[in-house]
Amino acid sequence: CFQPTSAPQILTTDSGQQCTCVPYYLCDPTTNTTIKDGRFDGFGQIDIRFDPRSCQDVLDVCCLGEKQREEPIMPSPPTTNSQPNRPRGCGIRNVGGLDFTLVGSTNEAGFGEFPWTVALIRIRDDACLCGGSLIHPSVILTGNHCVRLIPPNEIKVRAGEWDTQTTKERLPFQERTVSQIISHPSYNIKTLANNVALLVVTSPFQIMDHISP
């Protein structure tokens, strides 16, 4: 059925101009609109501190009319020329996160900063069971104590999630259900020795900038 959308939040800037709260990737952050030329490399800073004078969603920015965009703005991916010392391959951290840097906190991971991190979620109530690491597009490494009493078909794996309180990340999370749990054969329930399990998902995750083994 049709779900009405709420009216956009409109604020007034310090200079007296009106701006509309939109997801950060729908607002041109540059002063001379260089995005069309492919020279855009990020959205600047996102302040995660609560401020009643600012947009209600942490990933919204108050955007002047001439800077609003209909289609998501895609930052240019790092290249060998733009970042010649950037490492490549498995287990590479996106230092500081993708798209934007955070201010207002000293211990928050940036969006996509650790792209192998996943959440294990119990399907019936959406409760978070544990974390895990994507070690292959179809395989997750986790603690055996997290999953040993739960059937595989009652667990889903979520990759690419950054903040559960918003869905306005530019790149969405992906979910897969679990088809098989492989517990370490020498797991010891008393000492937690060999506390390791592998989860095989029903279909591989699509590897993206914010989801990677």
N, C-alpha and C. Protein backbone atom coordinates (compact mmCIF):
# COMPACT_ATOMS: atom_id res chain seq x y z
N CYS A 1 0.84 -1.18 0.00
CA CYS A 1 0.00 0.00 0.00
C CYS A 1 0.87 1.24 0.00
N PHE A 2 0.29 2.36 -0.35
CA PHE A 2 1.04 3.60 -0.45
C PHE A 2 1.37 4.12 0.94
N GLN A 3 2.64 4.47 1.15
CA GLN A 3 3.06 5.05 2.40
C GLN A 3 3.44 6.51 2.15
N PRO A 4 2.68 7.47 2.70
CA PRO A 4 3.02 8.88 2.46
C PRO A 4 4.36 9.23 3.06
N THR A 5 5.12 10.02 2.36
CA THR A 5 6.41 10.47 2.86
C THR A 5 6.24 11.75 3.65
N SER A 6 7.06 11.93 4.66
CA SER A 6 6.97 13.13 5.46
C SER A 6 7.52 14.31 4.67
N ALA A 7 7.05 15.49 5.03
CA ALA A 7 7.50 16.70 4.35
C ALA A 7 8.99 16.91 4.63
N PRO A 8 9.72 17.41 3.65
CA PRO A 8 11.16 17.62 3.87
C PRO A 8 11.39 18.66 4.96
N GLN A 9 12.45 18.44 5.72
CA GLN A 9 12.81 19.36 6.79
C GLN A 9 13.52 20.57 6.19
N ILE A 10 13.04 21.75 6.50
CA ILE A 10 13.62 22.99 5.96
C ILE A 10 14.16 23.81 7.12
N LEU A 11 15.41 24.26 6.98
CA LEU A 11 16.07 25.05 8.00
C LEU A 11 16.51 26.39 7.42
N THR A 12 16.94 27.27 8.28
CA THR A 12 17.46 28.56 7.86
C THR A 12 18.93 28.66 8.25
N THR A 13 19.77 29.01 7.30
CA THR A 13 21.20 29.12 7.56
C THR A 13 21.51 30.38 8.36
N ASP A 14 22.75 30.47 8.83
CA ASP A 14 23.17 31.65 9.59
C ASP A 14 23.05 32.93 8.76
N SER A 15 23.14 32.78 7.45
CA SER A 15 23.04 33.96 6.58
C SER A 15 21.60 34.28 6.19
N GLY A 16 20.63 33.50 6.72
CA GLY A 16 19.23 33.78 6.45
C GLY A 16 18.66 33.06 5.25
N GLN A 17 19.44 32.18 4.59
CA GLN A 17 18.93 31.43 3.44
C GLN A 17 18.23 30.16 3.92
N GLN A 18 17.22 29.73 3.16
CA GLN A 18 16.55 28.49 3.49
C GLN A 18 17.22 27.32 2.78
N CYS A 19 17.35 26.22 3.49
CA CYS A 19 17.95 25.02 2.92
C CYS A 19 17.09 23.82 3.29
N THR A 20 17.18 22.77 2.49
CA THR A 20 16.37 21.57 2.69
C THR A 20 17.26 20.41 3.10
N CYS A 21 16.83 19.63 4.09
CA CYS A 21 17.60 18.47 4.54
C CYS A 21 17.43 17.32 3.54
N VAL A 22 18.55 16.89 2.97
CA VAL A 22 18.57 15.78 2.01
C VAL A 22 19.75 14.88 2.35
N PRO A 23 19.74 13.60 1.92
CA PRO A 23 20.91 12.76 2.12
C PRO A 23 22.16 13.41 1.51
N TYR A 24 23.29 13.23 2.18
CA TYR A 24 24.52 13.93 1.81
C TYR A 24 24.89 13.75 0.34
N TYR A 25 24.54 12.60 -0.26
CA TYR A 25 24.94 12.33 -1.64
C TYR A 25 23.98 12.94 -2.66
N LEU A 26 22.98 13.70 -2.18
CA LEU A 26 22.10 14.44 -3.09
C LEU A 26 22.36 15.95 -3.02
N CYS A 27 23.49 16.32 -2.43
CA CYS A 27 23.85 17.74 -2.32
C CYS A 27 25.29 17.93 -2.77
N ASP A 28 25.50 18.79 -3.74
CA ASP A 28 26.82 19.09 -4.26
C ASP A 28 27.62 19.82 -3.18
N PRO A 29 28.68 19.19 -2.65
CA PRO A 29 29.41 19.83 -1.56
C PRO A 29 30.45 20.83 -2.04
N THR A 30 30.62 20.97 -3.32
CA THR A 30 31.66 21.85 -3.84
C THR A 30 31.11 23.25 -4.07
N THR A 31 31.99 24.18 -4.20
CA THR A 31 31.58 25.57 -4.39
C THR A 31 31.46 25.95 -5.86
N ASN A 32 32.08 25.19 -6.72
CA ASN A 32 32.03 25.54 -8.15
C ASN A 32 31.61 24.36 -9.03
N THR A 33 30.91 23.38 -8.41
CA THR A 33 30.33 22.24 -9.14
C THR A 33 31.34 21.58 -10.08
N THR A 34 32.32 20.93 -9.48
CA THR A 34 33.33 20.22 -10.27
C THR A 34 32.97 18.76 -10.48
N ILE A 35 31.82 18.32 -9.92
CA ILE A 35 31.48 16.89 -9.96
C ILE A 35 31.36 16.39 -11.40
N LYS A 36 30.77 17.18 -12.29
CA LYS A 36 30.57 16.74 -13.67
C LYS A 36 31.90 16.48 -14.36
N ASP A 37 32.95 17.09 -13.90
CA ASP A 37 34.26 16.93 -14.52
C ASP A 37 35.02 15.74 -13.97
N GLY A 38 34.43 15.04 -13.00
CA GLY A 38 35.08 13.84 -12.47
C GLY A 38 36.19 14.14 -11.49
N ARG A 39 36.27 15.35 -10.96
CA ARG A 39 37.35 15.71 -10.05
C ARG A 39 36.89 15.72 -8.59
N PHE A 40 35.74 15.14 -8.34
CA PHE A 40 35.17 15.12 -7.00
C PHE A 40 35.69 13.91 -6.23
N ASP A 41 36.13 14.11 -5.00
CA ASP A 41 36.73 12.98 -4.28
C ASP A 41 36.18 12.78 -2.87
N GLY A 42 35.08 13.40 -2.51
CA GLY A 42 34.52 13.14 -1.19
C GLY A 42 33.53 14.20 -0.77
N PHE A 43 32.81 13.91 0.31
CA PHE A 43 31.75 14.80 0.76
C PHE A 43 32.14 15.64 1.96
N GLY A 44 33.41 15.65 2.33
CA GLY A 44 33.82 16.46 3.47
C GLY A 44 33.50 15.77 4.79
N GLN A 45 32.98 16.54 5.74
CA GLN A 45 32.78 16.04 7.09
C GLN A 45 31.30 15.89 7.42
N ILE A 46 31.00 14.85 8.20
CA ILE A 46 29.67 14.64 8.77
C ILE A 46 29.82 14.73 10.28
N ASP A 47 29.05 15.62 10.91
CA ASP A 47 29.10 15.79 12.36
C ASP A 47 28.02 14.92 12.98
N ILE A 48 28.43 13.92 13.77
CA ILE A 48 27.47 12.96 14.32
C ILE A 48 26.93 13.40 15.69
N ARG A 49 27.33 14.57 16.16
CA ARG A 49 26.78 15.07 17.42
C ARG A 49 25.36 15.58 17.19
N PHE A 50 24.48 15.33 18.17
CA PHE A 50 23.09 15.81 18.05
C PHE A 50 23.05 17.31 18.24
N ASP A 51 22.35 17.97 17.33
CA ASP A 51 22.15 19.41 17.42
C ASP A 51 20.71 19.69 16.99
N PRO A 52 19.86 20.21 17.90
CA PRO A 52 18.45 20.43 17.54
C PRO A 52 18.26 21.43 16.41
N ARG A 53 19.30 22.19 16.09
CA ARG A 53 19.20 23.18 15.00
C ARG A 53 19.55 22.58 13.65
N SER A 54 20.01 21.33 13.63
CA SER A 54 20.47 20.71 12.38
C SER A 54 19.46 19.67 11.90
N CYS A 55 19.78 19.01 10.80
CA CYS A 55 18.89 17.98 10.24
C CYS A 55 18.72 16.83 11.22
N GLN A 56 17.55 16.20 11.19
CA GLN A 56 17.24 15.16 12.17
C GLN A 56 18.01 13.88 11.91
N ASP A 57 18.24 13.53 10.65
CA ASP A 57 18.98 12.31 10.32
C ASP A 57 20.46 12.64 10.25
N VAL A 58 21.29 11.79 10.84
CA VAL A 58 22.72 12.08 10.92
C VAL A 58 23.37 12.17 9.53
N LEU A 59 22.78 11.52 8.53
CA LEU A 59 23.36 11.54 7.20
C LEU A 59 22.68 12.53 6.26
N ASP A 60 21.81 13.36 6.80
CA ASP A 60 21.24 14.46 6.02
C ASP A 60 22.10 15.70 6.17
N VAL A 61 22.15 16.50 5.12
CA VAL A 61 22.78 17.81 5.17
C VAL A 61 21.77 18.83 4.68
N CYS A 62 21.89 20.05 5.19
CA CYS A 62 20.96 21.09 4.75
C CYS A 62 21.53 21.72 3.49
N CYS A 63 20.79 21.58 2.40
CA CYS A 63 21.31 21.86 1.07
C CYS A 63 20.54 23.02 0.43
N LEU A 64 21.27 23.98 -0.09
CA LEU A 64 20.65 25.09 -0.81
C LEU A 64 20.10 24.58 -2.14
N GLY A 65 19.05 25.22 -2.61
CA GLY A 65 18.33 24.73 -3.79
C GLY A 65 19.19 24.49 -5.00
N GLU A 66 20.13 25.38 -5.28
CA GLU A 66 20.94 25.23 -6.50
C GLU A 66 21.96 24.10 -6.38
N LYS A 67 22.16 23.57 -5.17
CA LYS A 67 23.13 22.51 -4.99
C LYS A 67 22.48 21.13 -4.90
N GLN A 68 21.14 21.08 -4.84
CA GLN A 68 20.45 19.80 -4.75
C GLN A 68 20.53 19.05 -6.07
N ARG A 69 20.61 17.71 -5.98
CA ARG A 69 20.71 16.85 -7.16
C ARG A 69 19.62 15.79 -7.11
N GLU A 70 19.15 15.38 -8.27
CA GLU A 70 18.12 14.34 -8.36
C GLU A 70 18.72 12.95 -8.25
N GLU A 71 19.91 12.76 -8.82
CA GLU A 71 20.58 11.46 -8.82
C GLU A 71 21.72 11.47 -7.80
N PRO A 72 21.99 10.32 -7.16
CA PRO A 72 23.09 10.26 -6.21
C PRO A 72 24.42 10.67 -6.83
N ILE A 73 25.18 11.45 -6.09
CA ILE A 73 26.51 11.87 -6.53
C ILE A 73 27.50 10.79 -6.15
N MET A 74 28.28 10.35 -7.10
CA MET A 74 29.22 9.26 -6.87
C MET A 74 30.64 9.81 -6.83
N PRO A 75 31.34 9.71 -5.70
CA PRO A 75 32.72 10.16 -5.66
C PRO A 75 33.59 9.34 -6.61
N SER A 76 34.61 9.97 -7.12
CA SER A 76 35.55 9.25 -7.98
C SER A 76 36.30 8.23 -7.13
N PRO A 77 36.35 6.96 -7.55
CA PRO A 77 37.08 5.96 -6.76
C PRO A 77 38.56 6.26 -6.77
N PRO A 78 39.27 5.93 -5.68
CA PRO A 78 40.71 6.15 -5.66
C PRO A 78 41.40 5.39 -6.78
N THR A 79 42.37 6.00 -7.39
CA THR A 79 43.12 5.37 -8.46
C THR A 79 44.60 5.35 -8.10
N THR A 80 45.36 4.61 -8.89
CA THR A 80 46.81 4.57 -8.66
C THR A 80 47.42 5.95 -8.81
N ASN A 81 46.84 6.76 -9.71
CA ASN A 81 47.38 8.10 -9.91
C ASN A 81 47.03 9.04 -8.75
N SER A 82 45.75 8.95 -8.25
CA SER A 82 45.34 9.87 -7.19
C SER A 82 45.89 9.45 -5.83
N GLN A 83 46.03 8.14 -5.59
CA GLN A 83 46.59 7.65 -4.34
C GLN A 83 47.59 6.53 -4.65
N PRO A 84 48.80 6.90 -5.07
CA PRO A 84 49.75 5.88 -5.55
C PRO A 84 50.17 4.87 -4.50
N ASN A 85 50.06 5.22 -3.21
CA ASN A 85 50.48 4.30 -2.16
C ASN A 85 49.32 3.52 -1.54
N ARG A 86 48.13 3.65 -2.13
CA ARG A 86 46.95 2.95 -1.58
C ARG A 86 47.12 1.44 -1.79
N PRO A 87 47.03 0.64 -0.71
CA PRO A 87 47.16 -0.82 -0.88
C PRO A 87 45.94 -1.41 -1.57
N ARG A 88 46.10 -2.57 -2.14
CA ARG A 88 45.02 -3.27 -2.83
C ARG A 88 44.92 -4.69 -2.28
N GLY A 89 43.74 -5.30 -2.43
CA GLY A 89 43.60 -6.71 -2.12
C GLY A 89 42.76 -6.98 -0.88
N CYS A 90 42.87 -8.19 -0.36
CA CYS A 90 42.06 -8.68 0.74
C CYS A 90 42.48 -8.04 2.06
N GLY A 91 41.50 -7.74 2.90
CA GLY A 91 41.80 -7.24 4.23
C GLY A 91 42.29 -5.81 4.27
N ILE A 92 41.92 -5.00 3.28
CA ILE A 92 42.38 -3.62 3.22
C ILE A 92 41.35 -2.71 3.87
N ARG A 93 41.79 -1.97 4.87
CA ARG A 93 40.92 -1.03 5.58
C ARG A 93 40.80 0.28 4.80
N ASN A 94 39.59 0.78 4.71
CA ASN A 94 39.36 2.12 4.14
C ASN A 94 39.56 3.14 5.25
N VAL A 95 40.78 3.56 5.45
CA VAL A 95 41.13 4.40 6.59
C VAL A 95 40.27 5.66 6.60
N GLY A 96 39.59 5.89 7.71
CA GLY A 96 38.72 7.05 7.82
C GLY A 96 37.35 6.86 7.23
N GLY A 97 37.15 5.77 6.47
CA GLY A 97 35.85 5.50 5.86
C GLY A 97 35.73 6.03 4.46
N LEU A 98 34.63 5.65 3.80
CA LEU A 98 34.33 6.11 2.45
C LEU A 98 33.51 7.39 2.50
N ASP A 99 33.52 8.13 1.42
CA ASP A 99 32.62 9.27 1.19
C ASP A 99 32.91 10.48 2.05
N PHE A 100 32.95 10.30 3.38
CA PHE A 100 33.06 11.45 4.28
C PHE A 100 33.89 11.06 5.49
N THR A 101 34.37 12.07 6.21
CA THR A 101 35.03 11.85 7.48
C THR A 101 34.09 12.29 8.60
N LEU A 102 34.29 11.71 9.78
CA LEU A 102 33.42 11.99 10.93
C LEU A 102 34.06 13.03 11.85
N VAL A 103 33.24 13.90 12.37
CA VAL A 103 33.65 14.80 13.45
C VAL A 103 32.65 14.65 14.58
N GLY A 104 33.06 15.00 15.78
CA GLY A 104 32.18 14.88 16.92
C GLY A 104 32.33 13.57 17.66
N SER A 105 33.30 12.75 17.27
CA SER A 105 33.53 11.46 17.93
C SER A 105 34.98 11.07 17.74
N THR A 106 35.49 10.28 18.68
CA THR A 106 36.88 9.81 18.57
C THR A 106 36.96 8.30 18.42
N ASN A 107 35.84 7.60 18.50
CA ASN A 107 35.91 6.13 18.49
C ASN A 107 34.90 5.48 17.55
N GLU A 108 34.32 6.23 16.63
CA GLU A 108 33.37 5.66 15.68
C GLU A 108 34.11 5.23 14.41
N ALA A 109 33.80 4.03 13.92
CA ALA A 109 34.33 3.61 12.63
C ALA A 109 33.62 4.37 11.52
N GLY A 110 34.35 4.77 10.51
CA GLY A 110 33.76 5.46 9.38
C GLY A 110 32.95 4.51 8.51
N PHE A 111 32.13 5.08 7.65
CA PHE A 111 31.31 4.28 6.73
C PHE A 111 32.23 3.47 5.81
N GLY A 112 32.11 2.14 5.87
CA GLY A 112 32.91 1.26 5.04
C GLY A 112 34.36 1.15 5.46
N GLU A 113 34.70 1.60 6.66
CA GLU A 113 36.11 1.59 7.07
C GLU A 113 36.65 0.17 7.21
N PHE A 114 35.84 -0.74 7.74
CA PHE A 114 36.25 -2.15 7.89
C PHE A 114 35.28 -2.99 7.06
N PRO A 115 35.53 -3.13 5.77
CA PRO A 115 34.51 -3.68 4.85
C PRO A 115 34.26 -5.17 5.00
N TRP A 116 35.06 -5.86 5.80
CA TRP A 116 34.85 -7.30 6.01
C TRP A 116 33.95 -7.57 7.22
N THR A 117 33.61 -6.55 7.99
CA THR A 117 32.81 -6.74 9.19
C THR A 117 31.34 -6.97 8.85
N VAL A 118 30.75 -8.01 9.43
CA VAL A 118 29.34 -8.33 9.20
C VAL A 118 28.63 -8.51 10.53
N ALA A 119 27.30 -8.47 10.49
CA ALA A 119 26.47 -8.74 11.66
C ALA A 119 25.69 -10.02 11.44
N LEU A 120 25.64 -10.85 12.46
CA LEU A 120 24.83 -12.07 12.43
C LEU A 120 23.52 -11.77 13.15
N ILE A 121 22.40 -11.97 12.46
CA ILE A 121 21.10 -11.55 12.97
C ILE A 121 20.14 -12.73 13.02
N ARG A 122 19.45 -12.90 14.14
CA ARG A 122 18.43 -13.94 14.26
C ARG A 122 17.18 -13.48 13.51
N ILE A 123 16.73 -14.29 12.59
CA ILE A 123 15.69 -13.87 11.66
C ILE A 123 14.36 -13.58 12.36
N ARG A 124 14.00 -14.39 13.35
CA ARG A 124 12.64 -14.27 13.90
C ARG A 124 12.39 -12.96 14.62
N ASP A 125 13.45 -12.34 15.20
CA ASP A 125 13.22 -11.10 15.95
C ASP A 125 14.22 -10.00 15.61
N ASP A 126 15.06 -10.23 14.60
CA ASP A 126 16.06 -9.25 14.17
C ASP A 126 17.06 -8.91 15.27
N ALA A 127 17.25 -9.82 16.22
CA ALA A 127 18.23 -9.59 17.28
C ALA A 127 19.63 -9.85 16.74
N CYS A 128 20.57 -8.99 17.12
CA CYS A 128 21.96 -9.18 16.70
C CYS A 128 22.61 -10.22 17.60
N LEU A 129 23.14 -11.27 16.99
CA LEU A 129 23.73 -12.37 17.75
C LEU A 129 25.21 -12.13 18.02
N CYS A 130 25.93 -11.74 16.99
CA CYS A 130 27.38 -11.59 17.07
C CYS A 130 27.86 -10.85 15.83
N GLY A 131 29.13 -10.55 15.83
CA GLY A 131 29.77 -10.07 14.62
C GLY A 131 30.50 -11.20 13.93
N GLY A 132 31.03 -10.90 12.77
CA GLY A 132 31.80 -11.88 12.03
C GLY A 132 32.66 -11.19 11.00
N SER A 133 33.49 -11.96 10.34
CA SER A 133 34.37 -11.44 9.29
C SER A 133 34.12 -12.19 7.99
N LEU A 134 33.92 -11.42 6.93
CA LEU A 134 33.77 -12.00 5.60
C LEU A 134 35.15 -12.43 5.11
N ILE A 135 35.36 -13.74 4.93
CA ILE A 135 36.67 -14.22 4.49
C ILE A 135 36.63 -14.75 3.06
N HIS A 136 35.45 -14.76 2.48
CA HIS A 136 35.20 -15.19 1.11
C HIS A 136 33.81 -14.66 0.79
N PRO A 137 33.48 -14.37 -0.46
CA PRO A 137 32.14 -13.85 -0.75
C PRO A 137 31.00 -14.69 -0.20
N SER A 138 31.26 -15.98 0.07
CA SER A 138 30.20 -16.86 0.57
C SER A 138 30.47 -17.41 1.96
N VAL A 139 31.53 -16.98 2.64
CA VAL A 139 31.92 -17.60 3.91
C VAL A 139 32.23 -16.53 4.95
N ILE A 140 31.70 -16.74 6.15
CA ILE A 140 31.92 -15.83 7.28
C ILE A 140 32.59 -16.59 8.40
N LEU A 141 33.58 -15.98 9.01
CA LEU A 141 34.25 -16.52 10.19
C LEU A 141 33.66 -15.86 11.43
N THR A 142 33.28 -16.68 12.42
CA THR A 142 32.71 -16.13 13.65
C THR A 142 33.06 -17.04 14.82
N GLY A 143 32.57 -16.69 16.02
CA GLY A 143 32.76 -17.55 17.18
C GLY A 143 31.75 -18.67 17.22
N ASN A 144 32.19 -19.86 17.54
CA ASN A 144 31.28 -21.00 17.57
C ASN A 144 30.20 -20.84 18.64
N HIS A 145 30.52 -20.17 19.74
CA HIS A 145 29.54 -20.00 20.81
C HIS A 145 28.35 -19.15 20.36
N CYS A 146 28.56 -18.35 19.31
CA CYS A 146 27.49 -17.47 18.82
C CYS A 146 26.39 -18.24 18.10
N VAL A 147 26.75 -19.37 17.48
CA VAL A 147 25.81 -20.01 16.55
C VAL A 147 25.57 -21.49 16.83
N ARG A 148 26.20 -22.04 17.84
CA ARG A 148 26.17 -23.50 17.97
C ARG A 148 24.78 -24.04 18.32
N LEU A 149 23.91 -23.23 18.90
CA LEU A 149 22.58 -23.71 19.29
C LEU A 149 21.48 -23.21 18.37
N ILE A 150 21.83 -22.61 17.26
CA ILE A 150 20.85 -22.02 16.36
C ILE A 150 20.92 -22.70 15.00
N PRO A 151 19.81 -23.16 14.45
CA PRO A 151 19.83 -23.77 13.11
C PRO A 151 20.26 -22.74 12.05
N PRO A 152 20.92 -23.19 11.01
CA PRO A 152 21.40 -22.26 9.98
C PRO A 152 20.29 -21.41 9.38
N ASN A 153 19.11 -22.01 9.14
CA ASN A 153 18.05 -21.26 8.46
C ASN A 153 17.38 -20.20 9.33
N GLU A 154 17.87 -20.06 10.57
CA GLU A 154 17.35 -19.02 11.46
C GLU A 154 18.31 -17.83 11.59
N ILE A 155 19.36 -17.83 10.75
CA ILE A 155 20.37 -16.78 10.83
C ILE A 155 20.49 -16.10 9.48
N LYS A 156 20.59 -14.78 9.50
CA LYS A 156 20.94 -14.04 8.30
C LYS A 156 22.20 -13.21 8.59
N VAL A 157 22.93 -12.94 7.54
CA VAL A 157 24.18 -12.18 7.65
C VAL A 157 23.98 -10.84 6.94
N ARG A 158 24.32 -9.77 7.64
CA ARG A 158 24.20 -8.44 7.05
C ARG A 158 25.60 -7.84 6.88
N ALA A 159 25.92 -7.46 5.66
CA ALA A 159 27.22 -6.84 5.35
C ALA A 159 26.99 -5.42 4.84
N GLY A 160 27.91 -4.54 5.15
CA GLY A 160 27.82 -3.18 4.64
C GLY A 160 26.98 -2.24 5.48
N GLU A 161 26.52 -2.68 6.64
CA GLU A 161 25.75 -1.80 7.52
C GLU A 161 26.70 -0.86 8.24
N TRP A 162 26.32 0.41 8.35
CA TRP A 162 27.14 1.36 9.11
C TRP A 162 26.40 1.85 10.35
N ASP A 163 25.18 2.30 10.20
CA ASP A 163 24.40 2.83 11.32
C ASP A 163 22.99 2.26 11.22
N THR A 164 22.60 1.49 12.23
CA THR A 164 21.28 0.86 12.20
C THR A 164 20.15 1.86 12.37
N GLN A 165 20.47 3.10 12.75
CA GLN A 165 19.44 4.10 12.97
C GLN A 165 19.10 4.91 11.73
N THR A 166 19.77 4.61 10.61
CA THR A 166 19.49 5.33 9.37
C THR A 166 19.63 4.37 8.19
N THR A 167 18.95 4.68 7.11
CA THR A 167 19.09 3.90 5.87
C THR A 167 19.59 4.80 4.75
N LYS A 168 20.24 5.91 5.10
CA LYS A 168 20.61 6.90 4.10
C LYS A 168 22.08 6.83 3.69
N GLU A 169 22.73 5.71 3.97
CA GLU A 169 24.06 5.54 3.41
C GLU A 169 23.97 5.49 1.88
N ARG A 170 24.97 5.99 1.20
CA ARG A 170 24.94 5.99 -0.27
C ARG A 170 24.93 4.56 -0.81
N LEU A 171 25.66 3.66 -0.18
CA LEU A 171 25.72 2.26 -0.61
C LEU A 171 24.93 1.42 0.40
N PRO A 172 23.93 0.67 -0.04
CA PRO A 172 23.08 -0.07 0.90
C PRO A 172 23.75 -1.34 1.42
N PHE A 173 23.28 -1.81 2.57
CA PHE A 173 23.78 -3.08 3.07
C PHE A 173 23.19 -4.22 2.25
N GLN A 174 23.80 -5.41 2.37
CA GLN A 174 23.31 -6.62 1.72
C GLN A 174 23.06 -7.67 2.79
N GLU A 175 22.05 -8.51 2.58
CA GLU A 175 21.75 -9.60 3.51
C GLU A 175 21.70 -10.93 2.77
N ARG A 176 22.18 -11.97 3.44
CA ARG A 176 22.12 -13.33 2.92
C ARG A 176 21.71 -14.25 4.06
N THR A 177 21.01 -15.32 3.74
CA THR A 177 20.68 -16.32 4.74
C THR A 177 21.77 -17.38 4.76
N VAL A 178 21.84 -18.10 5.88
CA VAL A 178 22.89 -19.09 6.09
C VAL A 178 22.39 -20.46 5.67
N SER A 179 23.20 -21.17 4.91
CA SER A 179 22.83 -22.52 4.48
C SER A 179 23.55 -23.60 5.27
N GLN A 180 24.70 -23.27 5.86
CA GLN A 180 25.49 -24.29 6.55
C GLN A 180 26.34 -23.65 7.63
N ILE A 181 26.44 -24.33 8.77
CA ILE A 181 27.35 -23.93 9.85
C ILE A 181 28.39 -25.02 10.02
N ILE A 182 29.65 -24.66 9.96
CA ILE A 182 30.74 -25.62 10.13
C ILE A 182 31.47 -25.26 11.42
N SER A 183 31.26 -26.05 12.46
CA SER A 183 31.89 -25.80 13.75
C SER A 183 33.25 -26.48 13.82
N HIS A 184 34.17 -25.87 14.54
CA HIS A 184 35.48 -26.51 14.74
C HIS A 184 35.28 -27.84 15.46
N PRO A 185 35.85 -28.91 14.93
CA PRO A 185 35.60 -30.23 15.53
C PRO A 185 36.16 -30.39 16.94
N SER A 186 37.10 -29.53 17.32
CA SER A 186 37.70 -29.64 18.66
C SER A 186 37.25 -28.53 19.60
N TYR A 187 36.12 -27.93 19.29
CA TYR A 187 35.60 -26.86 20.16
C TYR A 187 35.32 -27.41 21.55
N ASN A 188 35.75 -26.68 22.57
CA ASN A 188 35.54 -27.08 23.96
C ASN A 188 34.61 -26.08 24.62
N ILE A 189 33.42 -26.51 25.00
CA ILE A 189 32.41 -25.60 25.53
C ILE A 189 32.82 -25.03 26.89
N LYS A 190 33.68 -25.75 27.64
CA LYS A 190 34.07 -25.28 28.97
C LYS A 190 35.21 -24.27 28.91
N THR A 191 36.19 -24.53 28.10
CA THR A 191 37.35 -23.64 28.03
C THR A 191 37.28 -22.66 26.86
N LEU A 192 36.33 -22.90 25.96
CA LEU A 192 36.18 -22.12 24.72
C LEU A 192 37.41 -22.23 23.80
N ALA A 193 38.16 -23.30 23.98
CA ALA A 193 39.24 -23.56 23.04
C ALA A 193 38.65 -23.86 21.66
N ASN A 194 39.34 -23.42 20.62
CA ASN A 194 38.89 -23.63 19.24
C ASN A 194 37.49 -23.07 19.01
N ASN A 195 37.25 -21.90 19.55
CA ASN A 195 35.93 -21.26 19.46
C ASN A 195 35.76 -20.60 18.09
N VAL A 196 35.63 -21.42 17.08
CA VAL A 196 35.61 -20.95 15.69
C VAL A 196 34.49 -21.67 14.93
N ALA A 197 33.80 -20.93 14.09
CA ALA A 197 32.81 -21.53 13.19
C ALA A 197 32.83 -20.79 11.88
N LEU A 198 32.49 -21.51 10.81
CA LEU A 198 32.34 -20.92 9.49
C LEU A 198 30.87 -20.99 9.10
N LEU A 199 30.36 -19.89 8.56
CA LEU A 199 28.99 -19.86 8.05
C LEU A 199 29.05 -19.75 6.54
N VAL A 200 28.34 -20.62 5.86
CA VAL A 200 28.24 -20.58 4.40
C VAL A 200 26.87 -19.99 4.07
N VAL A 201 26.86 -18.95 3.25
CA VAL A 201 25.58 -18.30 2.92
C VAL A 201 25.02 -18.86 1.62
N THR A 202 23.74 -18.64 1.40
CA THR A 202 23.04 -19.25 0.27
C THR A 202 23.50 -18.70 -1.08
N SER A 203 23.96 -17.45 -1.10
CA SER A 203 24.50 -16.87 -2.33
C SER A 203 25.58 -15.88 -1.95
N PRO A 204 26.59 -15.70 -2.79
CA PRO A 204 27.72 -14.85 -2.41
C PRO A 204 27.33 -13.38 -2.32
N PHE A 205 28.02 -12.67 -1.45
CA PHE A 205 27.86 -11.23 -1.37
C PHE A 205 28.49 -10.58 -2.60
N GLN A 206 27.88 -9.50 -3.04
CA GLN A 206 28.46 -8.72 -4.12
C GLN A 206 29.55 -7.82 -3.53
N ILE A 207 30.76 -7.98 -4.03
CA ILE A 207 31.89 -7.20 -3.51
C ILE A 207 31.79 -5.76 -4.01
N MET A 208 31.84 -4.83 -3.07
CA MET A 208 31.75 -3.42 -3.38
C MET A 208 32.75 -2.66 -2.52
N ASP A 209 32.79 -1.34 -2.66
CA ASP A 209 33.75 -0.56 -1.87
C ASP A 209 33.57 -0.77 -0.38
N HIS A 210 32.30 -0.98 0.09
CA HIS A 210 32.05 -1.09 1.53
C HIS A 210 31.83 -2.53 1.97
N ILE A 211 31.96 -3.50 1.06
CA ILE A 211 31.81 -4.92 1.38
C ILE A 211 32.93 -5.67 0.68
N SER A 212 33.85 -6.22 1.49
CA SER A 212 35.02 -6.87 0.89
C SER A 212 35.63 -7.84 1.89
N PRO A 213 36.15 -8.98 1.44
CA PRO A 213 36.76 -9.93 2.38
C PRO A 213 38.00 -9.35 3.07
